Amino acid sequence: MGGNWRDRTATIFECQKMPAVSSRGMVVSNHPLASSAGAEMLAAGGNAVDAAIATLFTLTVVEPMMVGIIGGGMAHIRLADGSHRVIDGQSTVPASVRDTTYTSKPGSAHDVFDTVGNENLNGPKAVATPGSLKAWCETLQRFGTMSLADVMQPAIKHAARGYAVTPYLHECISESAATMRKDKPIAAVFLLGGEPLKVGARVVQSEYAETLRTIADHGEKALYEGPLGDILVDYMEKSGGFIRRNDLTNYKTVERQPIRADYRGWSIFGPPPPAASGVHIAQMLNILEGYDIGGLGFGTSETIHYLAEVLKIAFADRAAASGDPDYVGVPVEKLTSKAYAEERRRMIDPSRAQAFGAGVTQLESAHTTHMTAADSFGNVVATTQTINNLFGAKIMIPGLGAIANNYMNLFDPRPGHALSLAPGKRVTTSMSPMMALRDGKLRYALGLPGGKRIFPSAMQALVNLIDHGMTLQEAVEAPRVWTEGNALEVEQQVPEAVCAKLTALGHKVQPVATVAGGMNGIAFHDDGTMTGAACWRADGTPIGISGGLARGGVRFRLA
């Protein structure tokens, strides 16, 4: 589709941030200090993996409400040789947990996993076996060039010396304060005198700095086999949590092959199950390929209607047959096929909204963070990491200074379902570290936080880039929509006239401030330069490395 997408839009918006351009490397994360940590590794001669791991460790300090060493995540790596690797460091269900361990709240809807006493939401019983630390350390050892001690130095510095609270962090603390007040260790750091730290106040995490130093010296074994693990297990045993020493020693990361979708001549790569993202982004793009989305225009009632219908289809199939492939037979081939997309597309009525059931069955009986890094050698990392909800389980492990995940809240507390609990089972996630190639060349790498809203938002960004021809900055900042079959959430920039047309089609339109969180990504250009972009929904900051060393043989001499 030629011309400017703004000539065909019904939803006008202006970008609130500026992109960064570089020639020798780029790091984009949802905090400037974390992006700076990654850029420091690139400036020192490291590669994108070195930069990514430095960024992630620093995010555990400066974005503590989103990511931590007692968490989990997915990393999508494209190496200089053109190969794609997905490193699954998702958290797992402790061995002592059964599918009847929790009691579902009476009357909960099928997609609501609340339990009596919120045991799977807050506190020690909400914590799953962590995978993030092991995944980061192993990834650095396999694909990086720098030592663990070197890439961890920025994180240690910011934990020990402190950093300033941003308005975004202040708002996150305020939102979680009522529950955090119940846990003295976490309250001591983030609630001064019982009140949320104010904007500009310093966050000092001296106990966590010591934990990071121990990891820098001894690697992931400090947690999975050593003294840090002893502290975690002792706390869990005394407080009623489920993690035991065997859960830590038996934990393993998994390397997986990405899901590929072919969309209008582009090749889209994303994570496979247990992530639902790659499969359902492929499914939705396959369905949308039958419509002239670019011609219909961005943010029009027609385009949003089709987006809403494919989202409902994807979520119906996700509920029926997504999960850990070691426990659930996910029909990947069918879900990602063009034939199945055609079958589902025929069910969509352009003139009215509908409810959709699942078209597949099992083959057998939100708050996250994202960062993207690229180097001048051809290595690219897009990774999404989380402790699940804001501040995870709302507890800090005494002696570690680390905030624990509440991943158990993502499992269905009722037995007999695709997402039901089972010992060792990996959580299903919507994490979407995506990459898009054209004619064999990598063009975009992107991702975002946001729970079940992640993969729909990533899909919309790809549509913005491919169908509407937006710049990366425009694509990550553009207004989003989301539904899984109930209300159709639309960000507030969508005009009332468009919302009225959607209501007339039968959608239950609900304007919201944001759909999902801060997206960031990198665009790759033919001349070898890169553009980094981050959106207004978080403290996202792109930092690029350009310039270089002196020309060979050059010396400075006084006459």
Protein backbone atom coordinates (compact mmCIF):
# COMPACT_ATOMS: atom_id res chain seq x y z
CA MET A 1 0.00 0.00 0.00
CA GLY A 2 1.60 3.24 -1.12
CA GLY A 3 1.24 6.73 0.26
CA ASN A 4 1.14 7.91 3.85
CA TRP A 5 -0.91 5.86 6.32
CA ARG A 6 -2.21 9.13 7.80
CA ASP A 7 -4.15 9.70 4.58
CA ARG A 8 -6.26 6.62 5.37
CA THR A 9 -6.58 6.85 9.15
CA ALA A 10 -9.59 7.60 11.32
CA THR A 11 -7.43 7.77 14.47
CA ILE A 12 -4.87 10.56 14.69
CA PHE A 13 -1.99 10.45 17.17
CA GLU A 14 1.38 12.13 17.59
CA CYS A 15 4.46 10.32 18.89
CA GLN A 16 5.56 11.45 22.33
CA LYS A 17 9.13 10.13 22.18
CA MET A 18 12.02 10.40 19.77
CA PRO A 19 13.84 7.40 18.31
CA ALA A 20 17.60 6.90 18.46
CA VAL A 21 19.77 6.05 15.46
CA SER A 22 23.07 4.20 15.61
CA SER A 23 25.62 2.43 13.45
CA ARG A 24 27.40 0.16 15.93
CA GLY A 25 24.73 -1.15 18.28
CA MET A 26 21.47 -0.36 20.05
CA VAL A 27 19.86 -1.17 23.39
CA VAL A 28 16.24 -0.34 24.20
CA SER A 29 14.67 -1.11 27.56
CA ASN A 30 12.01 0.36 29.81
CA HIS A 31 14.46 2.27 32.00
CA PRO A 32 17.28 4.62 30.96
CA LEU A 33 19.78 3.21 33.48
CA ALA A 34 19.17 -0.32 32.22
CA SER A 35 19.60 0.74 28.59
CA SER A 36 22.80 2.54 29.65
CA ALA A 37 24.11 -0.66 31.24
CA GLY A 38 23.64 -2.57 28.00
CA ALA A 39 25.16 0.24 25.93
CA GLU A 40 28.18 0.21 28.22
CA MET A 41 28.81 -3.42 27.27
CA LEU A 42 28.57 -2.61 23.57
CA ALA A 43 30.95 0.33 24.02
CA ALA A 44 33.41 -2.01 25.73
CA GLY A 45 33.40 -4.34 22.71
CA GLY A 46 30.76 -6.80 23.90
CA ASN A 47 27.99 -8.26 21.78
CA ALA A 48 24.20 -8.03 21.95
CA VAL A 49 23.98 -10.93 24.42
CA ASP A 50 26.42 -9.24 26.81
CA ALA A 51 24.34 -6.08 26.50
CA ALA A 52 21.06 -7.92 27.06
CA ILE A 53 22.20 -9.70 30.22
CA ALA A 54 23.66 -6.49 31.67
CA THR A 55 20.37 -4.75 30.90
CA LEU A 56 18.28 -7.49 32.52
CA PHE A 57 20.28 -7.56 35.74
CA THR A 58 20.02 -3.78 35.95
CA LEU A 59 16.28 -3.92 35.33
CA THR A 60 15.94 -6.14 38.43
CA VAL A 61 17.23 -3.12 40.36
CA VAL A 62 15.64 -0.14 38.61
CA GLU A 63 12.40 -1.78 37.45
CA PRO A 64 11.89 -4.07 40.47
CA MET A 65 8.12 -4.16 40.07
CA MET A 66 8.48 -5.99 36.76
CA VAL A 67 11.49 -8.30 36.69
CA GLY A 68 13.70 -10.20 39.12
CA ILE A 69 16.09 -13.09 39.59
CA ILE A 70 13.23 -15.05 41.18
CA GLY A 71 11.15 -14.79 38.04
CA GLY A 72 10.98 -16.19 34.53
CA GLY A 73 11.01 -15.26 30.89
CA MET A 74 11.61 -15.94 27.21
CA ALA A 75 14.56 -14.79 25.13
CA HIS A 76 14.51 -14.75 21.33
CA ILE A 77 18.05 -14.59 19.96
CA ARG A 78 19.11 -14.20 16.34
CA LEU A 79 22.81 -14.98 15.99
CA ALA A 80 25.16 -13.51 13.42
CA ASP A 81 24.90 -16.75 11.42
CA GLY A 82 21.16 -16.10 10.90
CA SER A 83 19.94 -18.85 13.24
CA HIS A 84 17.12 -18.20 15.71
CA ARG A 85 17.12 -19.58 19.26
CA VAL A 86 14.37 -19.27 21.85
CA ILE A 87 15.61 -19.76 25.41
CA ASP A 88 12.76 -20.76 27.71
CA GLY A 89 13.51 -19.70 31.27
CA GLN A 90 9.92 -19.87 32.42
CA SER A 91 9.09 -20.62 36.02
CA THR A 92 7.74 -24.07 36.91
CA VAL A 93 5.30 -25.53 39.40
CA PRO A 94 7.07 -26.83 42.54
CA ALA A 95 7.08 -30.61 42.93
CA SER A 96 4.82 -30.64 45.99
CA VAL A 97 1.95 -28.81 44.25
CA ARG A 98 -1.03 -30.75 42.90
CA ASP A 99 -3.97 -29.71 40.73
CA THR A 100 -6.11 -29.50 43.88
CA THR A 101 -3.63 -27.57 46.05
CA TYR A 102 -5.64 -24.33 45.80
CA THR A 103 -9.37 -23.79 46.12
CA SER A 104 -10.90 -21.75 43.32
CA LYS A 105 -13.08 -18.87 44.44
CA PRO A 106 -16.71 -19.95 44.06
CA GLY A 107 -18.36 -18.56 40.97
CA SER A 108 -15.11 -17.68 39.15
CA ALA A 109 -15.40 -17.46 35.38
CA HIS A 110 -13.52 -20.03 33.30
CA ASP A 111 -10.71 -17.55 32.56
CA VAL A 112 -10.42 -16.23 36.13
CA PHE A 113 -7.91 -18.08 38.30
CA ASP A 114 -8.63 -16.46 41.68
CA THR A 115 -8.35 -18.67 44.75
CA VAL A 116 -9.71 -18.59 48.26
CA GLY A 117 -7.48 -16.35 50.37
CA ASN A 118 -5.62 -15.18 47.23
CA GLU A 119 -3.00 -17.80 48.02
CA ASN A 120 -1.87 -18.02 44.40
CA LEU A 121 -1.68 -14.22 44.10
CA ASN A 122 0.14 -12.82 47.13
CA GLY A 123 2.59 -14.30 49.60
CA PRO A 124 4.84 -17.38 49.67
CA LYS A 125 2.31 -19.84 48.21
CA ALA A 126 2.15 -17.76 45.03
CA VAL A 127 5.83 -18.30 44.19
CA ALA A 128 6.84 -20.72 41.43
CA THR A 129 10.32 -22.17 40.92
CA PRO A 130 12.38 -19.40 39.30
CA GLY A 131 14.04 -19.78 35.92
CA SER A 132 15.28 -16.33 34.98
CA LEU A 133 18.65 -16.33 36.74
CA LYS A 134 19.69 -19.68 35.32
CA ALA A 135 18.57 -18.70 31.83
CA TRP A 136 20.50 -15.42 31.92
CA CYS A 137 23.73 -16.99 33.17
CA GLU A 138 23.58 -19.91 30.73
CA THR A 139 22.77 -17.61 27.82
CA LEU A 140 25.72 -15.37 28.62
CA GLN A 141 28.06 -18.34 28.89
CA ARG A 142 26.87 -19.83 25.58
CA PHE A 143 26.51 -16.77 23.39
CA GLY A 144 28.17 -13.84 25.15
CA THR A 145 31.79 -12.69 25.18
CA MET A 146 32.12 -11.02 28.59
CA SER A 147 32.29 -12.37 32.12
CA LEU A 148 29.28 -12.50 34.41
CA ALA A 149 31.09 -10.26 36.88
CA ASP A 150 31.60 -7.58 34.22
CA VAL A 151 28.02 -7.49 32.94
CA MET A 152 26.65 -7.36 36.50
CA GLN A 153 28.65 -4.33 37.62
CA PRO A 154 26.04 -1.71 36.62
CA ALA A 155 23.30 -3.58 38.50
CA ILE A 156 25.46 -3.92 41.61
CA LYS A 157 26.33 -0.20 41.48
CA HIS A 158 22.73 0.96 41.22
CA ALA A 159 21.56 -1.42 43.96
CA ALA A 160 24.28 -0.31 46.38
CA ARG A 161 24.33 3.43 45.60
CA GLY A 162 20.67 3.86 44.75
CA TYR A 163 18.75 5.56 41.96
CA ALA A 164 15.93 8.10 41.71
CA VAL A 165 12.28 7.09 41.72
CA THR A 166 10.53 7.99 38.45
CA PRO A 167 6.86 9.00 38.34
CA TYR A 168 6.12 5.63 36.74
CA LEU A 169 7.77 3.68 39.58
CA HIS A 170 6.02 5.88 42.16
CA GLU A 171 2.64 5.08 40.59
CA CYS A 172 3.42 1.35 40.57
CA ILE A 173 4.41 1.43 44.24
CA SER A 174 1.24 3.36 45.09
CA GLU A 175 -0.91 0.82 43.25
CA SER A 176 0.60 -2.06 45.21
CA ALA A 177 1.15 -0.33 48.56
CA ALA A 178 -1.82 -1.79 50.42
CA THR A 179 -0.57 -5.35 49.97
CA MET A 180 3.13 -4.49 50.28
CA ARG A 181 2.56 -3.00 53.72
CA LYS A 182 1.88 -6.54 54.98
CA ASP A 183 5.48 -7.60 54.23
CA LYS A 184 8.09 -5.78 56.34
CA PRO A 185 11.14 -6.42 54.10
CA ILE A 186 9.54 -5.05 50.92
CA ALA A 187 7.86 -2.19 52.79
CA ALA A 188 11.20 -1.14 54.29
CA VAL A 189 12.58 -0.49 50.81
CA PHE A 190 9.64 1.00 48.93
CA LEU A 191 7.31 2.45 51.60
CA LEU A 192 9.05 5.16 53.61
CA GLY A 193 7.13 5.55 56.84
CA GLY A 194 4.44 3.36 55.35
CA GLU A 195 3.95 5.64 52.34
CA PRO A 196 5.13 5.10 48.74
CA LEU A 197 8.51 6.60 47.91
CA LYS A 198 8.04 9.97 46.30
CA VAL A 199 9.28 10.95 42.87
CA GLY A 200 12.98 11.77 43.08
CA ALA A 201 13.59 9.82 46.29
CA ARG A 202 16.45 7.33 46.19
CA VAL A 203 15.92 3.59 46.24
CA VAL A 204 18.84 1.85 47.94
CA GLN A 205 18.90 -1.97 48.01
CA SER A 206 22.06 -2.85 49.93
CA GLU A 207 20.96 -6.41 50.78
CA TYR A 208 20.15 -7.10 47.14
CA ALA A 209 23.53 -5.64 46.14
CA GLU A 210 25.21 -8.33 48.27
CA THR A 211 23.08 -11.00 46.58
CA LEU A 212 24.17 -9.72 43.18
CA ARG A 213 27.82 -9.75 44.25
CA THR A 214 27.46 -13.38 45.31
CA ILE A 215 25.97 -14.24 41.91
CA ALA A 216 28.73 -12.34 40.13
CA ASP A 217 31.30 -14.45 41.99
CA HIS A 218 29.61 -17.85 41.82
CA GLY A 219 27.08 -17.72 38.97
CA GLU A 220 23.63 -19.26 38.98
CA LYS A 221 24.83 -22.10 41.23
CA ALA A 222 24.67 -19.66 44.13
CA LEU A 223 20.88 -19.88 43.89
CA TYR A 224 20.21 -23.29 42.37
CA GLU A 225 22.80 -25.24 44.35
CA GLY A 226 24.31 -22.90 46.92
CA PRO A 227 23.79 -20.49 49.82
CA LEU A 228 21.27 -18.19 48.16
CA GLY A 229 19.08 -21.21 47.49
CA ASP A 230 19.39 -22.22 51.14
CA ILE A 231 18.03 -18.82 52.16
CA LEU A 232 15.12 -19.07 49.72
CA VAL A 233 14.19 -22.64 50.71
CA ASP A 234 14.45 -21.87 54.43
CA TYR A 235 12.08 -18.93 53.99
CA MET A 236 9.63 -21.02 51.98
CA GLU A 237 9.61 -23.85 54.54
CA LYS A 238 8.99 -21.46 57.43
CA SER A 239 6.33 -19.37 55.69
CA GLY A 240 4.25 -22.07 53.99
CA GLY A 241 5.64 -21.72 50.46
CA PHE A 242 6.19 -24.70 48.17
CA ILE A 243 9.74 -24.32 46.78
CA ARG A 244 12.23 -26.88 48.08
CA ARG A 245 15.86 -27.64 47.33
CA ASN A 246 14.98 -30.33 44.77
CA ASP A 247 12.90 -27.80 42.81
CA LEU A 248 15.97 -25.60 42.41
CA THR A 249 18.47 -28.34 41.65
CA ASN A 250 16.15 -30.01 39.12
CA TYR A 251 15.27 -26.82 37.24
CA LYS A 252 16.38 -26.74 33.60
CA THR A 253 16.09 -24.18 30.85
CA VAL A 254 14.87 -25.34 27.45
CA GLU A 255 16.04 -24.23 24.01
CA ARG A 256 13.19 -24.21 21.50
CA GLN A 257 12.73 -23.48 17.82
CA PRO A 258 10.62 -20.41 16.99
CA ILE A 259 7.24 -20.39 15.30
CA ARG A 260 7.30 -18.90 11.79
CA ALA A 261 4.47 -17.06 10.06
CA ASP A 262 4.53 -15.90 6.43
CA TYR A 263 2.54 -12.68 6.05
CA ARG A 264 2.35 -10.68 2.83
CA GLY A 265 5.89 -11.65 1.85
CA TRP A 266 7.32 -11.15 5.36
CA SER A 267 8.65 -13.88 7.64
CA ILE A 268 7.61 -13.42 11.27
CA PHE A 269 9.38 -15.37 14.02
CA GLY A 270 8.14 -15.73 17.60
CA PRO A 271 8.35 -18.07 20.60
CA PRO A 272 6.66 -21.49 20.54
CA PRO A 273 4.66 -23.22 23.31
CA PRO A 274 4.53 -22.94 26.25
CA ALA A 275 4.32 -19.36 24.94
CA ALA A 276 0.99 -18.80 23.25
CA SER A 277 2.29 -15.77 21.38
CA GLY A 278 4.05 -17.18 18.33
CA VAL A 279 1.24 -19.59 17.54
CA HIS A 280 -1.60 -17.11 17.90
CA ILE A 281 0.17 -14.19 16.23
CA ALA A 282 0.72 -16.51 13.25
CA GLN A 283 -2.94 -17.54 13.41
CA MET A 284 -4.22 -13.97 13.53
CA LEU A 285 -1.95 -12.74 10.75
CA ASN A 286 -3.04 -15.65 8.56
CA ILE A 287 -6.67 -14.64 9.02
CA LEU A 288 -5.98 -10.93 8.46
CA GLU A 289 -4.10 -11.72 5.26
CA GLY A 290 -7.47 -12.19 3.58
CA TYR A 291 -8.40 -8.52 4.11
CA ASP A 292 -6.95 -5.31 2.69
CA ILE A 293 -6.05 -3.95 6.11
CA GLY A 294 -3.83 -1.21 4.68
CA GLY A 295 -6.61 -0.03 2.38
CA LEU A 296 -9.16 -0.02 5.18
CA GLY A 297 -6.90 2.37 7.10
CA PHE A 298 -5.44 2.57 10.58
CA GLY A 299 -7.83 3.02 13.48
CA THR A 300 -10.98 2.84 11.38
CA SER A 301 -14.06 1.00 12.60
CA GLU A 302 -13.60 -1.55 9.78
CA THR A 303 -9.99 -2.36 10.71
CA ILE A 304 -10.68 -2.45 14.45
CA HIS A 305 -13.68 -4.73 13.85
CA TYR A 306 -11.49 -7.29 12.06
CA LEU A 307 -8.80 -7.00 14.73
CA ALA A 308 -11.40 -7.63 17.44
CA GLU A 309 -12.85 -10.67 15.68
CA VAL A 310 -9.47 -12.34 15.12
CA LEU A 311 -8.54 -11.63 18.75
CA LYS A 312 -11.68 -13.39 19.94
CA ILE A 313 -10.93 -16.38 17.72
CA ALA A 314 -7.34 -16.58 18.95
CA PHE A 315 -8.34 -16.36 22.61
CA ALA A 316 -11.00 -19.06 22.20
CA ASP A 317 -8.39 -21.42 20.74
CA ARG A 318 -5.80 -20.36 23.34
CA ALA A 319 -8.13 -21.28 26.19
CA ALA A 320 -8.82 -24.68 24.66
CA ALA A 321 -5.35 -25.83 23.72
CA SER A 322 -2.41 -23.77 24.94
CA GLY A 323 0.10 -24.85 27.54
CA ASP A 324 3.35 -26.59 28.31
CA PRO A 325 3.92 -28.99 25.38
CA ASP A 326 5.28 -31.59 27.81
CA TYR A 327 1.82 -31.73 29.40
CA VAL A 328 -0.61 -30.51 26.73
CA GLY A 329 -0.84 -31.50 23.09
CA VAL A 330 -0.88 -28.07 21.44
CA PRO A 331 -2.05 -28.41 17.79
CA VAL A 332 0.59 -26.02 16.48
CA GLU A 333 0.51 -27.18 12.87
CA LYS A 334 -3.24 -26.72 12.57
CA LEU A 335 -3.39 -23.39 14.41
CA THR A 336 -0.69 -21.87 12.21
CA SER A 337 -1.92 -23.26 8.87
CA LYS A 338 -3.34 -21.13 6.06
CA ALA A 339 -6.19 -23.64 5.64
CA TYR A 340 -7.33 -23.25 9.25
CA ALA A 341 -7.10 -19.48 8.89
CA GLU A 342 -9.38 -19.65 5.84
CA GLU A 343 -11.83 -21.81 7.79
CA ARG A 344 -11.95 -19.31 10.65
CA ARG A 345 -12.05 -16.29 8.32
CA ARG A 346 -15.25 -17.58 6.72
CA MET A 347 -16.93 -17.32 10.13
CA ILE A 348 -16.27 -13.58 10.43
CA ASP A 349 -19.15 -11.29 9.51
CA PRO A 350 -17.94 -7.82 8.39
CA SER A 351 -21.23 -6.28 9.48
CA ARG A 352 -21.54 -7.51 13.06
CA ALA A 353 -19.57 -8.63 16.09
CA GLN A 354 -19.84 -12.27 17.10
CA ALA A 355 -18.88 -14.68 19.85
CA PHE A 356 -16.50 -17.48 18.85
CA GLY A 357 -15.87 -20.90 20.32
CA ALA A 358 -12.67 -22.88 20.02
CA GLY A 359 -11.97 -24.52 16.68
CA VAL A 360 -9.36 -26.89 18.13
CA THR A 361 -9.01 -29.21 21.09
CA GLN A 362 -6.06 -30.59 23.00
CA LEU A 363 -4.41 -33.56 21.40
CA GLU A 364 -4.67 -35.29 24.78
CA SER A 365 -7.36 -35.88 27.56
CA ALA A 366 0.92 -8.99 33.95
CA HIS A 367 3.23 -7.00 34.32
CA THR A 368 6.46 -7.74 32.64
CA THR A 369 9.37 -5.98 31.02
CA HIS A 370 10.90 -6.20 27.58
CA MET A 371 14.25 -5.19 26.17
CA THR A 372 15.83 -5.37 22.73
CA ALA A 373 19.54 -5.26 21.88
CA ALA A 374 21.56 -5.47 18.68
CA ASP A 375 25.27 -5.24 17.90
CA SER A 376 27.27 -4.50 14.76
CA PHE A 377 28.16 -8.18 14.31
CA GLY A 378 24.62 -9.29 13.45
CA ASN A 379 23.48 -10.60 16.86
CA VAL A 380 20.05 -9.51 18.11
CA VAL A 381 18.24 -10.25 21.37
CA ALA A 382 14.56 -9.60 22.08
CA THR A 383 13.57 -10.82 25.52
CA THR A 384 10.56 -10.50 27.79
CA GLN A 385 10.95 -11.20 31.51
CA THR A 386 8.61 -10.98 34.47
CA ILE A 387 7.77 -11.68 38.08
CA ASN A 388 4.14 -11.63 36.82
CA ASN A 389 2.07 -9.01 38.68
CA LEU A 390 3.42 -5.66 39.85
CA PHE A 391 5.99 -6.54 42.52
CA GLY A 392 5.17 -10.22 42.01
CA ALA A 393 3.94 -11.89 45.17
CA LYS A 394 4.42 -8.57 47.03
CA ILE A 395 7.10 -10.13 49.24
CA MET A 396 10.85 -9.68 49.49
CA ILE A 397 12.92 -12.69 50.57
CA PRO A 398 14.81 -11.75 53.77
CA GLY A 399 18.52 -12.31 53.35
CA LEU A 400 18.29 -11.98 49.56
CA GLY A 401 16.63 -8.61 49.13
CA ALA A 402 14.96 -10.08 46.02
CA ILE A 403 11.27 -9.78 45.15
CA ALA A 404 9.56 -13.11 44.44
CA ASN A 405 7.31 -13.92 41.50
CA ASN A 406 3.63 -14.84 41.74
CA TYR A 407 3.61 -17.07 38.68
CA MET A 408 1.27 -19.56 40.38
CA ASN A 409 -1.54 -17.08 39.64
CA LEU A 410 -1.24 -17.94 35.93
CA PHE A 411 -2.29 -21.56 36.44
CA ASP A 412 -5.89 -22.70 36.57
CA PRO A 413 -6.58 -23.81 40.19
CA ARG A 414 -9.25 -26.22 38.89
CA PRO A 415 -8.17 -29.67 37.70
CA GLY A 416 -8.81 -31.04 34.23
CA HIS A 417 -7.91 -28.02 32.09
CA ALA A 418 -5.04 -27.12 29.75
CA LEU A 419 -3.65 -24.66 32.29
CA SER A 420 -4.27 -26.78 35.40
CA LEU A 421 -1.44 -27.30 37.89
CA ALA A 422 1.02 -30.19 37.66
CA PRO A 423 4.45 -30.67 39.28
CA GLY A 424 7.20 -29.28 37.05
CA LYS A 425 4.78 -27.72 34.57
CA ARG A 426 5.88 -24.52 32.85
CA VAL A 427 3.49 -21.62 32.82
CA THR A 428 1.82 -20.58 29.58
CA THR A 429 2.73 -17.04 28.66
CA SER A 430 1.79 -14.32 26.21
CA MET A 431 5.39 -13.05 26.00
CA SER A 432 6.10 -11.97 22.43
CA PRO A 433 9.74 -11.23 21.64
CA MET A 434 9.15 -11.02 17.89
CA MET A 435 11.36 -10.58 14.82
CA ALA A 436 10.26 -9.74 11.26
CA LEU A 437 12.32 -10.46 8.14
CA ARG A 438 11.88 -9.36 4.53
CA ASP A 439 13.76 -11.14 1.72
CA GLY A 440 15.83 -12.95 4.34
CA LYS A 441 16.99 -9.74 6.03
CA LEU A 442 16.05 -8.87 9.58
CA ARG A 443 14.01 -5.67 9.60
CA TYR A 444 12.40 -5.44 13.05
CA ALA A 445 12.77 -6.88 16.54
CA LEU A 446 10.24 -5.84 19.18
CA GLY A 447 8.24 -6.79 22.26
CA LEU A 448 6.43 -5.45 25.32
CA PRO A 449 4.98 -6.30 28.75
CA GLY A 450 1.27 -6.60 29.51
CA GLY A 451 0.00 -10.07 30.40
CA LYS A 452 -2.67 -11.44 28.05
CA ARG A 453 -2.57 -8.17 26.12
CA ILE A 454 1.03 -8.73 24.99
CA PHE A 455 0.65 -10.86 21.89
CA PRO A 456 -2.39 -8.94 20.56
CA SER A 457 -0.38 -5.71 20.92
CA ALA A 458 2.70 -7.19 19.26
CA MET A 459 0.50 -8.38 16.39
CA GLN A 460 -0.93 -4.89 15.98
CA ALA A 461 2.55 -3.37 15.88
CA LEU A 462 3.50 -5.78 13.08
CA VAL A 463 0.34 -4.82 11.19
CA ASN A 464 1.20 -1.15 11.72
CA LEU A 465 4.62 -1.71 10.18
CA ILE A 466 3.67 -4.05 7.34
CA ASP A 467 0.14 -3.00 6.35
CA HIS A 468 0.11 0.65 7.31
CA GLY A 469 3.75 1.45 6.59
CA MET A 470 4.37 3.23 9.89
CA THR A 471 7.82 4.03 11.20
CA LEU A 472 8.91 1.95 14.18
CA GLN A 473 8.34 4.90 16.52
CA GLU A 474 4.81 5.29 15.21
CA ALA A 475 4.14 1.56 15.35
CA VAL A 476 5.09 1.18 19.02
CA GLU A 477 3.20 4.32 20.11
CA ALA A 478 0.04 3.85 18.03
CA PRO A 479 -3.27 3.37 19.90
CA ARG A 480 -4.12 -0.28 20.56
CA VAL A 481 -7.25 -2.36 21.06
CA TRP A 482 -7.87 -5.62 22.93
CA THR A 483 -10.61 -8.13 23.64
CA GLU A 484 -10.89 -11.80 24.45
CA GLY A 485 -14.63 -11.91 23.90
CA ASN A 486 -16.14 -9.55 26.43
CA ALA A 487 -15.56 -5.79 26.34
CA LEU A 488 -13.57 -4.33 23.45
CA GLU A 489 -10.92 -2.15 25.07
CA VAL A 490 -9.77 0.78 22.93
CA GLU A 491 -7.17 3.30 23.96
CA GLN A 492 -8.57 6.77 24.49
CA GLN A 493 -7.01 8.27 21.36
CA VAL A 494 -9.56 6.34 19.27
CA PRO A 495 -12.23 8.94 18.38
CA GLU A 496 -15.80 8.78 19.71
CA ALA A 497 -17.11 8.52 16.14
CA VAL A 498 -15.14 5.34 15.57
CA CYS A 499 -16.29 3.93 18.92
CA ALA A 500 -19.90 4.70 17.97
CA LYS A 501 -19.56 2.74 14.71
CA LEU A 502 -18.02 -0.19 16.62
CA THR A 503 -20.91 -0.10 19.09
CA ALA A 504 -23.34 -0.23 16.17
CA LEU A 505 -21.56 -3.36 14.95
CA GLY A 506 -22.30 -4.98 18.31
CA HIS A 507 -19.01 -4.43 20.18
CA LYS A 508 -19.13 -3.48 23.86
CA VAL A 509 -16.61 -0.63 23.56
CA GLN A 510 -14.66 0.35 26.66
CA PRO A 511 -12.19 3.28 26.35
CA VAL A 512 -9.08 2.72 28.50
CA ALA A 513 -5.91 4.67 29.24
CA THR A 514 -3.60 1.93 28.02
CA VAL A 515 -3.72 -1.53 26.48
CA ALA A 516 -0.63 -3.44 27.68
CA GLY A 517 2.67 -1.80 28.56
CA GLY A 518 5.72 -0.10 27.15
CA MET A 519 6.71 -1.56 23.78
CA ASN A 520 10.22 -1.15 22.48
CA GLY A 521 12.11 -2.40 19.47
CA ILE A 522 14.81 -1.92 16.87
CA ALA A 523 14.50 -1.36 13.11
CA PHE A 524 17.35 -2.45 10.82
CA HIS A 525 18.15 -0.52 7.65
CA ASP A 526 19.91 -1.39 4.40
CA ASP A 527 22.86 0.90 5.15
CA GLY A 528 23.64 -0.97 8.37
CA THR A 529 22.19 1.63 10.71
CA MET A 530 19.60 0.85 13.37
CA THR A 531 16.72 2.82 14.84
CA GLY A 532 15.67 2.18 18.42
CA ALA A 533 12.22 3.18 19.66
CA ALA A 534 10.26 3.00 22.91
CA CYS A 535 6.72 4.13 23.63
CA TRP A 536 5.07 6.46 26.13
CA ARG A 537 3.54 3.68 28.24
CA ALA A 538 6.74 3.17 30.31
CA ASP A 539 10.13 4.77 30.98
CA GLY A 540 11.46 3.26 27.75
CA THR A 541 14.77 4.65 26.45
CA PRO A 542 16.77 3.74 23.34
CA ILE A 543 20.54 4.21 23.49
CA GLY A 544 22.62 3.74 20.36
CA ILE A 545 26.35 3.41 19.83
CA SER A 546 27.84 5.18 16.82
CA GLY A 547 31.21 6.68 16.03
CA GLY A 548 34.10 4.33 16.61
CA LEU A 549 37.83 4.08 17.16
CA ALA A 550 40.42 6.41 15.64
CA ARG A 551 41.49 5.95 12.05
CA GLY A 552 44.48 3.63 11.79
CA GLY A 553 47.85 5.32 12.00
CA VAL A 554 46.46 8.58 13.37
CA ARG A 555 48.53 10.25 16.10
CA PHE A 556 48.28 13.61 17.79
CA ARG A 557 51.53 15.56 17.74
CA LEU A 558 52.41 19.07 18.74
CA ALA A 559 54.37 20.92 16.09
